[in-house]
Structures are given as structure tokens and as C-alpha cells.
N, C-alpha and C. Protein backbone atom coordinates (compact mmCIF):
# COMPACT_ATOMS: atom_id res chain seq x y z
N MET A 1 0.85 -1.19 0.00
CA MET A 1 0.00 0.00 0.00
C MET A 1 0.90 1.25 0.00
N ALA A 2 0.55 2.19 -0.88
CA ALA A 2 1.34 3.42 -0.98
C ALA A 2 1.15 4.26 0.28
N ARG A 3 2.23 4.88 0.71
CA ARG A 3 2.18 5.72 1.88
C ARG A 3 1.52 7.06 1.53
N GLY A 4 0.59 7.50 2.35
CA GLY A 4 -0.09 8.76 2.10
C GLY A 4 0.80 9.95 2.36
N LYS A 5 0.37 11.09 1.86
CA LYS A 5 1.13 12.32 2.06
C LYS A 5 0.98 12.80 3.49
N SER A 6 2.04 13.40 4.02
CA SER A 6 1.99 13.93 5.37
C SER A 6 1.12 15.19 5.40
N PRO A 7 0.59 15.54 6.57
CA PRO A 7 -0.25 16.75 6.68
C PRO A 7 0.48 18.02 6.26
N THR A 8 1.81 18.01 6.31
CA THR A 8 2.57 19.22 5.97
C THR A 8 3.04 19.23 4.51
N PHE A 9 2.64 18.23 3.74
CA PHE A 9 3.13 18.11 2.36
C PHE A 9 2.83 19.36 1.54
N GLU A 10 1.56 19.78 1.53
CA GLU A 10 1.18 20.94 0.72
C GLU A 10 1.80 22.23 1.25
N LEU A 11 1.94 22.33 2.56
CA LEU A 11 2.59 23.51 3.13
C LEU A 11 4.05 23.60 2.68
N GLN A 12 4.72 22.46 2.63
CA GLN A 12 6.11 22.45 2.19
C GLN A 12 6.22 22.79 0.71
N ARG A 13 5.28 22.27 -0.08
CA ARG A 13 5.28 22.60 -1.51
C ARG A 13 5.08 24.10 -1.71
N GLU A 14 4.20 24.69 -0.93
CA GLU A 14 3.96 26.13 -1.04
C GLU A 14 5.22 26.92 -0.68
N ALA A 15 5.92 26.47 0.36
CA ALA A 15 7.17 27.13 0.75
C ALA A 15 8.21 27.02 -0.37
N ILE A 16 8.26 25.87 -1.01
CA ILE A 16 9.19 25.68 -2.13
C ILE A 16 8.84 26.63 -3.27
N LEU A 17 7.56 26.76 -3.58
CA LEU A 17 7.14 27.66 -4.65
C LEU A 17 7.53 29.10 -4.37
N GLN A 18 7.38 29.52 -3.11
CA GLN A 18 7.75 30.88 -2.75
C GLN A 18 9.24 31.12 -2.97
N GLU A 19 10.07 30.19 -2.50
CA GLU A 19 11.51 30.34 -2.67
C GLU A 19 11.90 30.24 -4.14
N ALA A 20 11.25 29.33 -4.88
CA ALA A 20 11.57 29.17 -6.30
C ALA A 20 11.20 30.42 -7.09
N ALA A 21 10.07 31.03 -6.75
CA ALA A 21 9.67 32.26 -7.45
C ALA A 21 10.72 33.35 -7.24
N ARG A 22 11.22 33.48 -6.01
CA ARG A 22 12.25 34.48 -5.75
C ARG A 22 13.53 34.17 -6.52
N LEU A 23 13.90 32.89 -6.53
CA LEU A 23 15.14 32.49 -7.22
C LEU A 23 15.02 32.67 -8.73
N PHE A 24 13.90 32.24 -9.31
CA PHE A 24 13.70 32.38 -10.76
C PHE A 24 13.63 33.85 -11.15
N ALA A 25 12.96 34.66 -10.34
CA ALA A 25 12.84 36.09 -10.65
C ALA A 25 14.21 36.76 -10.61
N ASP A 26 15.05 36.31 -9.69
CA ASP A 26 16.37 36.93 -9.52
C ASP A 26 17.36 36.46 -10.57
N LYS A 27 17.37 35.16 -10.87
CA LYS A 27 18.41 34.60 -11.74
C LYS A 27 17.91 34.20 -13.12
N GLY A 28 16.59 34.06 -13.26
CA GLY A 28 16.05 33.50 -14.49
C GLY A 28 15.90 32.01 -14.35
N PHE A 29 14.89 31.45 -15.00
CA PHE A 29 14.57 30.04 -14.85
C PHE A 29 15.75 29.14 -15.22
N HIS A 30 16.38 29.38 -16.37
CA HIS A 30 17.44 28.49 -16.83
C HIS A 30 18.72 28.62 -16.00
N ASN A 31 18.92 29.76 -15.37
CA ASN A 31 20.15 29.96 -14.60
C ASN A 31 20.05 29.48 -13.16
N ALA A 32 18.85 29.16 -12.73
CA ALA A 32 18.65 28.68 -11.35
C ALA A 32 18.66 27.16 -11.34
N SER A 33 19.39 26.57 -10.41
CA SER A 33 19.50 25.11 -10.34
C SER A 33 18.67 24.55 -9.19
N MET A 34 18.38 23.26 -9.29
CA MET A 34 17.66 22.60 -8.21
C MET A 34 18.50 22.57 -6.94
N ALA A 35 19.82 22.50 -7.09
CA ALA A 35 20.71 22.51 -5.92
C ALA A 35 20.60 23.85 -5.20
N GLU A 36 20.56 24.95 -5.96
CA GLU A 36 20.41 26.27 -5.35
C GLU A 36 19.06 26.41 -4.66
N LEU A 37 18.04 25.85 -5.29
CA LEU A 37 16.70 25.93 -4.71
C LEU A 37 16.63 25.13 -3.42
N ALA A 38 17.23 23.95 -3.41
CA ALA A 38 17.24 23.13 -2.20
C ALA A 38 17.92 23.87 -1.07
N ALA A 39 19.05 24.52 -1.38
CA ALA A 39 19.78 25.27 -0.36
C ALA A 39 18.93 26.43 0.16
N ALA A 40 18.23 27.12 -0.75
CA ALA A 40 17.39 28.26 -0.34
C ALA A 40 16.24 27.80 0.55
N CYS A 41 15.76 26.59 0.30
CA CYS A 41 14.65 26.04 1.09
C CYS A 41 15.12 25.36 2.37
N GLY A 42 16.42 25.17 2.50
CA GLY A 42 16.94 24.51 3.69
C GLY A 42 16.66 23.02 3.72
N VAL A 43 16.59 22.40 2.53
CA VAL A 43 16.35 20.95 2.45
C VAL A 43 17.41 20.34 1.56
N SER A 44 17.52 19.02 1.59
CA SER A 44 18.45 18.33 0.70
C SER A 44 17.86 18.28 -0.70
N LYS A 45 18.72 18.09 -1.68
CA LYS A 45 18.25 17.98 -3.06
C LYS A 45 17.34 16.76 -3.24
N PRO A 46 17.68 15.58 -2.69
CA PRO A 46 16.76 14.45 -2.80
C PRO A 46 15.40 14.73 -2.19
N LEU A 47 15.36 15.45 -1.06
CA LEU A 47 14.07 15.77 -0.45
C LEU A 47 13.28 16.73 -1.33
N LEU A 48 13.97 17.65 -1.99
CA LEU A 48 13.29 18.57 -2.91
C LEU A 48 12.59 17.79 -4.01
N TYR A 49 13.24 16.75 -4.53
CA TYR A 49 12.63 15.93 -5.57
C TYR A 49 11.47 15.10 -5.04
N HIS A 50 11.38 14.94 -3.74
CA HIS A 50 10.21 14.27 -3.16
C HIS A 50 8.96 15.12 -3.36
N TYR A 51 9.15 16.44 -3.37
CA TYR A 51 8.00 17.35 -3.52
C TYR A 51 7.74 17.73 -4.97
N TYR A 52 8.80 17.82 -5.76
CA TYR A 52 8.65 18.20 -7.17
C TYR A 52 9.58 17.36 -8.03
N ARG A 53 9.03 16.81 -9.10
CA ARG A 53 9.81 15.89 -9.93
C ARG A 53 10.89 16.59 -10.74
N ASP A 54 10.67 17.90 -11.10
CA ASP A 54 11.67 18.64 -11.87
C ASP A 54 11.39 20.13 -11.77
N LYS A 55 12.32 20.89 -12.32
CA LYS A 55 12.24 22.34 -12.25
C LYS A 55 11.06 22.88 -13.07
N GLU A 56 10.75 22.21 -14.18
CA GLU A 56 9.64 22.65 -15.02
C GLU A 56 8.30 22.53 -14.29
N HIS A 57 8.17 21.48 -13.49
CA HIS A 57 6.95 21.29 -12.70
C HIS A 57 6.79 22.43 -11.69
N ILE A 58 7.89 22.87 -11.12
CA ILE A 58 7.86 23.99 -10.18
C ILE A 58 7.44 25.27 -10.90
N LEU A 59 8.04 25.51 -12.07
CA LEU A 59 7.70 26.70 -12.84
C LEU A 59 6.22 26.73 -13.18
N PHE A 60 5.68 25.60 -13.60
CA PHE A 60 4.27 25.54 -13.94
C PHE A 60 3.40 25.84 -12.73
N ASP A 61 3.73 25.27 -11.58
CA ASP A 61 2.91 25.50 -10.39
C ASP A 61 2.97 26.95 -9.93
N ILE A 62 4.13 27.61 -10.09
CA ILE A 62 4.22 29.03 -9.74
C ILE A 62 3.27 29.84 -10.61
N ALA A 63 3.36 29.65 -11.92
CA ALA A 63 2.55 30.44 -12.85
C ALA A 63 1.07 30.10 -12.74
N ASP A 64 0.76 28.81 -12.66
CA ASP A 64 -0.64 28.38 -12.65
C ASP A 64 -1.34 28.81 -11.36
N SER A 65 -0.69 28.65 -10.22
CA SER A 65 -1.31 29.04 -8.95
C SER A 65 -1.45 30.55 -8.85
N TYR A 66 -0.50 31.28 -9.43
CA TYR A 66 -0.60 32.74 -9.44
C TYR A 66 -1.80 33.19 -10.28
N MET A 67 -1.99 32.57 -11.43
CA MET A 67 -3.14 32.91 -12.27
C MET A 67 -4.44 32.55 -11.56
N ASP A 68 -4.44 31.47 -10.79
CA ASP A 68 -5.65 31.12 -10.02
C ASP A 68 -5.98 32.21 -9.01
N ARG A 69 -4.97 32.80 -8.40
CA ARG A 69 -5.21 33.89 -7.45
C ARG A 69 -5.81 35.10 -8.17
N LEU A 70 -5.30 35.42 -9.35
CA LEU A 70 -5.83 36.56 -10.10
C LEU A 70 -7.27 36.31 -10.55
N LEU A 71 -7.56 35.10 -10.97
CA LEU A 71 -8.92 34.77 -11.36
C LEU A 71 -9.87 34.82 -10.16
N ALA A 72 -9.38 34.45 -8.99
CA ALA A 72 -10.20 34.53 -7.78
C ALA A 72 -10.51 35.98 -7.45
N ILE A 73 -9.56 36.89 -7.69
CA ILE A 73 -9.81 38.31 -7.48
C ILE A 73 -10.90 38.79 -8.43
N VAL A 74 -10.81 38.41 -9.70
CA VAL A 74 -11.83 38.79 -10.68
C VAL A 74 -13.20 38.31 -10.22
N ALA A 75 -13.28 37.04 -9.81
CA ALA A 75 -14.57 36.48 -9.37
C ALA A 75 -15.10 37.21 -8.15
N GLY A 76 -14.21 37.56 -7.23
CA GLY A 76 -14.63 38.26 -6.03
C GLY A 76 -15.18 39.64 -6.32
N VAL A 77 -14.55 40.36 -7.26
CA VAL A 77 -15.03 41.69 -7.63
C VAL A 77 -16.35 41.59 -8.37
N GLU A 78 -16.46 40.65 -9.29
CA GLU A 78 -17.70 40.48 -10.05
C GLU A 78 -18.87 40.14 -9.13
N ALA A 79 -18.59 39.39 -8.08
CA ALA A 79 -19.64 38.99 -7.14
C ALA A 79 -20.21 40.19 -6.37
N GLN A 80 -19.48 41.29 -6.32
CA GLN A 80 -19.96 42.48 -5.62
C GLN A 80 -21.05 43.21 -6.40
N ASP A 81 -21.16 42.94 -7.71
CA ASP A 81 -22.21 43.53 -8.55
C ASP A 81 -22.20 45.06 -8.46
N LEU A 82 -21.03 45.64 -8.68
CA LEU A 82 -20.86 47.09 -8.60
C LEU A 82 -21.28 47.76 -9.90
N GLU A 83 -21.47 49.06 -9.83
CA GLU A 83 -21.68 49.85 -11.04
C GLU A 83 -20.38 49.84 -11.86
N PRO A 84 -20.44 50.14 -13.18
CA PRO A 84 -19.27 49.97 -14.05
C PRO A 84 -17.99 50.65 -13.57
N GLN A 85 -18.03 51.94 -13.29
CA GLN A 85 -16.79 52.61 -12.89
C GLN A 85 -16.25 52.11 -11.56
N PRO A 86 -17.07 51.95 -10.53
CA PRO A 86 -16.54 51.37 -9.29
C PRO A 86 -16.00 49.95 -9.47
N GLN A 87 -16.61 49.17 -10.36
CA GLN A 87 -16.11 47.81 -10.59
C GLN A 87 -14.72 47.85 -11.23
N LEU A 88 -14.55 48.71 -12.22
CA LEU A 88 -13.23 48.81 -12.85
C LEU A 88 -12.19 49.30 -11.84
N ALA A 89 -12.56 50.29 -11.05
CA ALA A 89 -11.64 50.79 -10.03
C ALA A 89 -11.28 49.71 -9.02
N GLU A 90 -12.26 48.90 -8.64
CA GLU A 90 -12.01 47.82 -7.68
C GLU A 90 -11.09 46.76 -8.27
N LEU A 91 -11.27 46.44 -9.55
CA LEU A 91 -10.38 45.49 -10.20
C LEU A 91 -8.94 45.99 -10.19
N VAL A 92 -8.75 47.24 -10.56
CA VAL A 92 -7.40 47.81 -10.57
C VAL A 92 -6.80 47.79 -9.16
N MET A 93 -7.59 48.23 -8.18
CA MET A 93 -7.09 48.28 -6.80
C MET A 93 -6.72 46.89 -6.29
N ARG A 94 -7.58 45.90 -6.53
CA ARG A 94 -7.33 44.55 -6.02
C ARG A 94 -6.12 43.91 -6.71
N PHE A 95 -5.98 44.15 -8.01
CA PHE A 95 -4.83 43.58 -8.72
C PHE A 95 -3.53 44.21 -8.24
N MET A 96 -3.54 45.52 -8.06
CA MET A 96 -2.31 46.16 -7.61
C MET A 96 -1.99 45.80 -6.16
N ALA A 97 -3.00 45.54 -5.36
CA ALA A 97 -2.76 45.06 -4.00
C ALA A 97 -2.10 43.68 -4.03
N GLU A 98 -2.52 42.84 -4.98
CA GLU A 98 -1.89 41.52 -5.14
C GLU A 98 -0.45 41.68 -5.62
N TYR A 99 -0.23 42.57 -6.58
CA TYR A 99 1.12 42.77 -7.11
C TYR A 99 2.09 43.22 -6.01
N ALA A 100 1.58 43.93 -5.01
CA ALA A 100 2.44 44.48 -3.96
C ALA A 100 3.22 43.39 -3.23
N HIS A 101 2.65 42.17 -3.12
CA HIS A 101 3.36 41.10 -2.41
C HIS A 101 3.61 39.88 -3.29
N SER A 102 3.43 40.04 -4.61
CA SER A 102 3.65 38.90 -5.52
C SER A 102 4.59 39.28 -6.66
N GLN A 103 5.55 40.15 -6.37
CA GLN A 103 6.43 40.62 -7.43
C GLN A 103 7.22 39.49 -8.08
N SER A 104 7.71 38.56 -7.28
CA SER A 104 8.50 37.46 -7.83
C SER A 104 7.64 36.59 -8.74
N GLN A 105 6.43 36.24 -8.29
CA GLN A 105 5.54 35.43 -9.11
C GLN A 105 5.19 36.15 -10.40
N HIS A 106 4.99 37.46 -10.30
CA HIS A 106 4.64 38.23 -11.49
C HIS A 106 5.80 38.26 -12.49
N MET A 107 7.01 38.43 -11.99
CA MET A 107 8.18 38.41 -12.87
C MET A 107 8.35 37.06 -13.55
N VAL A 108 8.13 35.99 -12.80
CA VAL A 108 8.22 34.65 -13.39
C VAL A 108 7.17 34.48 -14.47
N LEU A 109 5.96 34.95 -14.22
CA LEU A 109 4.89 34.84 -15.21
C LEU A 109 5.28 35.59 -16.48
N VAL A 110 5.85 36.77 -16.34
CA VAL A 110 6.20 37.60 -17.49
C VAL A 110 7.38 37.03 -18.27
N GLN A 111 8.41 36.55 -17.55
CA GLN A 111 9.67 36.23 -18.23
C GLN A 111 9.91 34.74 -18.49
N ASP A 112 9.22 33.86 -17.78
CA ASP A 112 9.61 32.45 -17.84
C ASP A 112 8.54 31.48 -18.34
N VAL A 113 7.30 31.91 -18.48
CA VAL A 113 6.25 30.98 -18.93
C VAL A 113 6.58 30.40 -20.30
N LYS A 114 7.33 31.14 -21.09
CA LYS A 114 7.69 30.66 -22.44
C LYS A 114 8.51 29.37 -22.40
N PHE A 115 9.05 29.02 -21.24
CA PHE A 115 9.84 27.81 -21.14
C PHE A 115 9.02 26.57 -20.79
N LEU A 116 7.72 26.73 -20.58
CA LEU A 116 6.86 25.60 -20.26
C LEU A 116 6.59 24.75 -21.50
N GLN A 117 6.24 23.49 -21.26
CA GLN A 117 5.78 22.64 -22.35
C GLN A 117 4.46 23.20 -22.90
N ALA A 118 4.15 22.84 -24.14
CA ALA A 118 3.01 23.44 -24.84
C ALA A 118 1.70 23.29 -24.06
N GLU A 119 1.43 22.11 -23.53
CA GLU A 119 0.17 21.89 -22.82
C GLU A 119 0.10 22.73 -21.54
N GLN A 120 1.21 22.78 -20.82
CA GLN A 120 1.24 23.59 -19.60
C GLN A 120 1.11 25.08 -19.93
N SER A 121 1.83 25.51 -20.96
CA SER A 121 1.78 26.91 -21.36
C SER A 121 0.36 27.31 -21.76
N GLU A 122 -0.32 26.46 -22.49
CA GLU A 122 -1.68 26.77 -22.94
C GLU A 122 -2.63 26.90 -21.76
N GLN A 123 -2.43 26.10 -20.71
CA GLN A 123 -3.29 26.22 -19.53
C GLN A 123 -3.10 27.57 -18.86
N VAL A 124 -1.85 27.99 -18.71
CA VAL A 124 -1.58 29.28 -18.08
C VAL A 124 -2.07 30.42 -18.96
N VAL A 125 -1.78 30.35 -20.25
CA VAL A 125 -2.20 31.40 -21.18
C VAL A 125 -3.72 31.47 -21.25
N GLY A 126 -4.38 30.32 -21.18
CA GLY A 126 -5.84 30.31 -21.18
C GLY A 126 -6.41 31.08 -20.00
N LYS A 127 -5.77 30.96 -18.84
CA LYS A 127 -6.21 31.71 -17.66
C LYS A 127 -5.90 33.20 -17.82
N GLN A 128 -4.77 33.51 -18.46
CA GLN A 128 -4.46 34.91 -18.73
C GLN A 128 -5.53 35.53 -19.63
N ARG A 129 -5.97 34.77 -20.63
CA ARG A 129 -7.00 35.28 -21.54
C ARG A 129 -8.30 35.58 -20.78
N LYS A 130 -8.61 34.75 -19.80
CA LYS A 130 -9.83 34.98 -19.01
C LYS A 130 -9.71 36.28 -18.21
N VAL A 131 -8.54 36.54 -17.68
CA VAL A 131 -8.33 37.78 -16.93
C VAL A 131 -8.47 38.99 -17.85
N VAL A 132 -7.84 38.91 -19.02
CA VAL A 132 -7.94 40.01 -19.98
C VAL A 132 -9.40 40.22 -20.41
N ALA A 133 -10.11 39.13 -20.64
CA ALA A 133 -11.51 39.23 -21.05
C ALA A 133 -12.35 39.89 -19.96
N ALA A 134 -12.05 39.59 -18.70
CA ALA A 134 -12.80 40.20 -17.59
C ALA A 134 -12.56 41.70 -17.53
N PHE A 135 -11.31 42.12 -17.71
CA PHE A 135 -11.01 43.55 -17.72
C PHE A 135 -11.62 44.23 -18.95
N ALA A 136 -11.57 43.54 -20.09
CA ALA A 136 -12.17 44.10 -21.30
C ALA A 136 -13.67 44.31 -21.12
N ALA A 137 -14.33 43.35 -20.47
CA ALA A 137 -15.76 43.48 -20.22
C ALA A 137 -16.05 44.63 -19.27
N ALA A 138 -15.20 44.81 -18.26
CA ALA A 138 -15.39 45.91 -17.32
C ALA A 138 -15.20 47.25 -18.01
N ILE A 139 -14.23 47.33 -18.91
CA ILE A 139 -13.99 48.57 -19.66
C ILE A 139 -15.13 48.84 -20.62
N GLU A 140 -15.64 47.81 -21.28
CA GLU A 140 -16.79 47.96 -22.19
C GLU A 140 -18.01 48.45 -21.43
N ALA A 141 -18.18 48.01 -20.19
CA ALA A 141 -19.32 48.46 -19.39
C ALA A 141 -19.23 49.96 -19.09
N VAL A 142 -17.99 50.46 -18.93
CA VAL A 142 -17.79 51.88 -18.68
C VAL A 142 -18.01 52.68 -19.96
N GLU A 143 -17.51 52.17 -21.07
CA GLU A 143 -17.59 52.87 -22.36
C GLU A 143 -18.17 51.92 -23.41
N PRO A 144 -19.50 51.75 -23.42
CA PRO A 144 -20.13 50.85 -24.39
C PRO A 144 -19.81 51.26 -25.83
N GLY A 145 -19.54 50.28 -26.65
CA GLY A 145 -19.20 50.55 -28.04
C GLY A 145 -17.77 50.19 -28.38
N LEU A 146 -16.92 50.08 -27.35
CA LEU A 146 -15.53 49.71 -27.60
C LEU A 146 -15.43 48.31 -28.21
N LYS A 147 -16.23 47.39 -27.68
CA LYS A 147 -16.18 46.02 -28.18
C LYS A 147 -16.60 45.95 -29.64
N LYS A 148 -17.62 46.71 -30.01
CA LYS A 148 -18.09 46.73 -31.40
C LYS A 148 -16.99 47.19 -32.34
N ARG A 149 -16.16 48.11 -31.87
CA ARG A 149 -15.04 48.60 -32.68
C ARG A 149 -13.76 47.81 -32.43
N LYS A 150 -13.89 46.70 -31.69
CA LYS A 150 -12.76 45.81 -31.39
C LYS A 150 -11.64 46.55 -30.64
N LEU A 151 -12.05 47.43 -29.74
CA LEU A 151 -11.09 48.19 -28.95
C LEU A 151 -11.11 47.81 -27.47
N ASP A 152 -12.04 46.95 -27.06
CA ASP A 152 -12.15 46.64 -25.64
C ASP A 152 -10.90 45.93 -25.12
N LYS A 153 -10.40 44.93 -25.85
CA LYS A 153 -9.21 44.21 -25.40
C LYS A 153 -7.94 45.04 -25.58
N PRO A 154 -7.78 45.80 -26.68
CA PRO A 154 -6.61 46.68 -26.74
C PRO A 154 -6.54 47.68 -25.60
N VAL A 155 -7.69 48.27 -25.22
CA VAL A 155 -7.68 49.21 -24.10
C VAL A 155 -7.34 48.47 -22.80
N ALA A 156 -7.83 47.23 -22.66
CA ALA A 156 -7.48 46.43 -21.49
C ALA A 156 -5.97 46.19 -21.44
N MET A 157 -5.37 45.94 -22.60
CA MET A 157 -3.92 45.72 -22.62
C MET A 157 -3.15 47.00 -22.31
N ILE A 158 -3.69 48.16 -22.71
CA ILE A 158 -3.08 49.43 -22.32
C ILE A 158 -3.10 49.56 -20.79
N LEU A 159 -4.24 49.18 -20.19
CA LEU A 159 -4.35 49.22 -18.74
C LEU A 159 -3.32 48.30 -18.09
N PHE A 160 -3.20 47.07 -18.60
CA PHE A 160 -2.21 46.16 -18.04
C PHE A 160 -0.80 46.70 -18.24
N GLY A 161 -0.58 47.42 -19.35
CA GLY A 161 0.72 48.04 -19.55
C GLY A 161 1.06 49.03 -18.46
N MET A 162 0.03 49.68 -17.91
CA MET A 162 0.27 50.64 -16.82
C MET A 162 0.55 49.94 -15.50
N ILE A 163 -0.14 48.83 -15.23
CA ILE A 163 -0.03 48.23 -13.90
C ILE A 163 0.94 47.06 -13.82
N ASN A 164 1.18 46.36 -14.93
CA ASN A 164 1.97 45.13 -14.85
C ASN A 164 3.45 45.35 -14.60
N TRP A 165 3.96 46.55 -14.89
CA TRP A 165 5.40 46.79 -14.76
C TRP A 165 5.73 47.75 -13.63
N THR A 166 4.76 48.00 -12.76
CA THR A 166 5.03 48.91 -11.65
C THR A 166 6.18 48.43 -10.77
N PHE A 167 6.37 47.11 -10.72
CA PHE A 167 7.43 46.57 -9.85
C PHE A 167 8.82 47.01 -10.32
N THR A 168 8.94 47.48 -11.57
CA THR A 168 10.25 47.88 -12.07
C THR A 168 10.64 49.28 -11.61
N TRP A 169 9.67 50.08 -11.10
CA TRP A 169 10.02 51.45 -10.70
C TRP A 169 9.44 51.87 -9.36
N LEU A 170 8.42 51.18 -8.87
CA LEU A 170 7.79 51.57 -7.61
C LEU A 170 8.59 51.00 -6.44
N ARG A 171 9.29 51.85 -5.72
CA ARG A 171 10.18 51.40 -4.66
C ARG A 171 9.40 50.97 -3.42
N ALA A 172 9.82 49.84 -2.86
CA ALA A 172 9.17 49.35 -1.64
C ALA A 172 9.36 50.31 -0.48
N ASP A 173 10.47 51.06 -0.47
CA ASP A 173 10.74 51.98 0.63
C ASP A 173 10.39 53.42 0.27
N GLY A 174 9.72 53.65 -0.86
CA GLY A 174 9.33 54.99 -1.27
C GLY A 174 8.04 55.42 -0.60
N ARG A 175 7.65 56.68 -0.82
CA ARG A 175 6.45 57.21 -0.19
C ARG A 175 5.18 56.80 -0.94
N LEU A 176 5.31 56.42 -2.20
CA LEU A 176 4.16 55.94 -2.96
C LEU A 176 4.02 54.44 -2.82
N THR A 177 2.81 53.98 -2.63
CA THR A 177 2.53 52.55 -2.52
C THR A 177 1.64 52.11 -3.67
N TYR A 178 1.43 50.82 -3.78
CA TYR A 178 0.50 50.31 -4.79
C TYR A 178 -0.90 50.84 -4.54
N ALA A 179 -1.27 50.98 -3.28
CA ALA A 179 -2.59 51.53 -2.95
C ALA A 179 -2.70 52.99 -3.39
N ASP A 180 -1.59 53.73 -3.30
CA ASP A 180 -1.57 55.11 -3.78
C ASP A 180 -1.78 55.17 -5.29
N MET A 181 -1.14 54.24 -6.00
CA MET A 181 -1.12 54.31 -7.46
C MET A 181 -2.39 53.78 -8.11
N ALA A 182 -3.14 52.91 -7.43
CA ALA A 182 -4.34 52.32 -8.04
C ALA A 182 -5.34 53.39 -8.49
N PRO A 183 -5.71 54.39 -7.66
CA PRO A 183 -6.64 55.41 -8.14
C PRO A 183 -6.03 56.30 -9.22
N VAL A 184 -4.71 56.46 -9.21
CA VAL A 184 -4.05 57.23 -10.26
C VAL A 184 -4.24 56.53 -11.61
N VAL A 185 -3.98 55.23 -11.63
CA VAL A 185 -4.15 54.45 -12.85
C VAL A 185 -5.59 54.53 -13.35
N THR A 186 -6.54 54.33 -12.44
CA THR A 186 -7.94 54.35 -12.84
C THR A 186 -8.34 55.70 -13.39
N ALA A 187 -7.89 56.77 -12.74
CA ALA A 187 -8.25 58.12 -13.19
C ALA A 187 -7.65 58.43 -14.55
N ILE A 188 -6.41 58.01 -14.79
CA ILE A 188 -5.78 58.23 -16.08
C ILE A 188 -6.53 57.47 -17.17
N LEU A 189 -6.88 56.23 -16.89
CA LEU A 189 -7.59 55.43 -17.89
C LEU A 189 -8.95 56.04 -18.22
N LEU A 190 -9.67 56.50 -17.19
CA LEU A 190 -11.03 56.99 -17.41
C LEU A 190 -11.06 58.41 -17.96
N ASN A 191 -10.11 59.24 -17.54
CA ASN A 191 -10.22 60.67 -17.85
C ASN A 191 -8.98 61.31 -18.45
N GLY A 192 -7.90 60.57 -18.58
CA GLY A 192 -6.68 61.17 -19.08
C GLY A 192 -5.93 61.92 -18.00
N VAL A 193 -4.79 62.48 -18.36
CA VAL A 193 -3.94 63.16 -17.39
C VAL A 193 -4.50 64.53 -17.02
N LYS A 194 -5.14 65.20 -17.97
CA LYS A 194 -5.65 66.54 -17.71
C LYS A 194 -6.67 66.50 -16.57
N GLY A 195 -6.44 67.30 -15.56
CA GLY A 195 -7.33 67.34 -14.41
C GLY A 195 -7.15 66.18 -13.46
N LEU A 196 -6.03 65.46 -13.60
CA LEU A 196 -5.81 64.25 -12.78
C LEU A 196 -5.85 64.55 -11.29
N LEU A 197 -5.15 65.60 -10.85
CA LEU A 197 -5.07 65.87 -9.42
C LEU A 197 -6.45 66.17 -8.83
N ALA A 198 -7.30 66.83 -9.60
CA ALA A 198 -8.64 67.15 -9.11
C ALA A 198 -9.50 65.90 -9.00
N GLN A 199 -9.15 64.85 -9.74
CA GLN A 199 -9.94 63.62 -9.74
C GLN A 199 -9.61 62.73 -8.55
N LEU A 200 -8.43 62.91 -7.97
CA LEU A 200 -7.98 62.01 -6.92
C LEU A 200 -8.48 62.47 -5.55
N PRO A 201 -8.76 61.54 -4.65
CA PRO A 201 -9.19 61.91 -3.31
C PRO A 201 -8.07 62.58 -2.55
N ALA A 202 -8.42 63.54 -1.70
CA ALA A 202 -7.42 64.21 -0.88
C ALA A 202 -6.80 63.21 0.09
N ARG A 203 -5.49 63.31 0.29
CA ARG A 203 -4.79 62.35 1.14
C ARG A 203 -4.29 62.98 2.43
N GLY A 204 -4.49 64.30 2.59
CA GLY A 204 -4.11 64.94 3.83
C GLY A 204 -2.64 65.20 3.97
N ARG A 205 -1.91 65.13 2.84
CA ARG A 205 -0.49 65.45 2.89
C ARG A 205 -0.07 65.97 1.53
N LYS A 206 1.09 66.60 1.49
CA LYS A 206 1.58 67.14 0.24
C LYS A 206 1.98 65.99 -0.69
N PRO A 207 1.82 66.19 -2.03
CA PRO A 207 2.27 65.14 -2.96
C PRO A 207 3.74 64.89 -2.80
N PRO A 208 4.18 63.63 -2.86
CA PRO A 208 5.61 63.34 -2.74
C PRO A 208 6.37 63.90 -3.91
N ALA A 209 7.66 64.17 -3.70
CA ALA A 209 8.50 64.66 -4.77
C ALA A 209 8.64 63.58 -5.83
N GLU A 210 8.94 64.02 -7.03
CA GLU A 210 9.06 63.08 -8.15
C GLU A 210 10.09 62.00 -7.86
N ALA A 211 11.15 62.38 -7.14
CA ALA A 211 12.21 61.40 -6.86
C ALA A 211 11.71 60.27 -5.98
N ASP A 212 10.67 60.52 -5.19
CA ASP A 212 10.17 59.48 -4.28
C ASP A 212 9.50 58.37 -5.04
N ALA A 213 9.05 58.65 -6.25
CA ALA A 213 8.33 57.62 -7.03
C ALA A 213 9.28 56.78 -7.84
N ALA A 214 10.52 57.22 -8.03
CA ALA A 214 11.44 56.52 -8.90
C ALA A 214 12.32 55.58 -8.12
């Protein structure tokens, strides 16, 4: 009879995924070894293989589980049944809140999914398409007619262009946070830069200097 998994099996796998995401984000998937990952996790290499059969399996689980979290955010926002503009704003806010503590997973998704096998890649990409479709639908609800002109998804991709790369310039120790930037992104998308400051809620302090955002 096969021995069952220990109660801590999934917890250990999750810990491995966290360390692997950091390692892959820092070094790149191909440059990171299983030996380095085992050392980062504080386990032996043979024990690491007890949890994951190979590095590709780890990469897939990082990307796939991250996409599941993003899809859960979409479902949670849709369940609130908000009016169009508040729904779009909530989507942006919730995604940027997720990005604030998932930078490594996000970098792996952006830079390393191309190394997955075709079937695994299609599963992850399929979930990405669902996320884009959800944002496109939210944007169409704000500005009906975009879909008819086949602009709903391009505008959604412009939005993702604003939020997906914030980790490259938004400093963790700066005065601006992801929560600060979410309403900025939404206001720019809905109304453009002109009049931006008047559109944002008062924060009770002076705007940070430009250097604080870089």
C-alpha cells in the first residue's frame, strides 16, 4: 500500500514555490538550479525531488497558482455587482494590492512561462485570456461601443501596460505605494492626465516629490 502524504506536504510545496519564485525572478529560470533551490529552502536535493519531480513542474505550479489567485480576485469583484466605474476601479485596486506582495511570481509569469511545455503553457495562457476578457468586459461596461469597434481588449492591454510593470520602478521603501497608485491608474484610464489631481481623493499630505516615485 502506498504511503499517504503527510499533513505538511502541501505547506512544504507552497514554501518551495515561494523560494523558487524568488530564485527564478532573480536569476532567471534556466540559470537557477535545483541545488540552489534546495539550499534556499533549507532541504536536501533528494528531499526537494520528493516534492517536485523537476524544475519545469515547479515553474508551472508558480505560474498556474498565481493565475488562479488573479482569477479569484476577478470572481470576487464580479460577485460584488458594482456599477461599471466602481467595478473597474475595484479590479485595478485589487490587482495592484496583489502585485504588492507577488512581485516574484509576477516576474516569473512575465519572463519564464515561455519555457513551459506546450500543454502547460496553454493552460496558463488560457487563464491569462480569461483575466484580460474580464477587464475588457469591465472597460466595455464603462464605455459601451468599444467592443463593437474591437477596442475593448486593446484598451485592457493598455491598462495592463500601466499596472503590470510597476514593480520595475515603484520602490518598496518609497512614499508611494501600490494603494496610492491604483486610483491614479484608474483616473488616467477613465479621464486622461488633464485634471488628474482634481480627480484624486485628498490624502491629507503634500504630494511626494518626483524622486520618491522613482
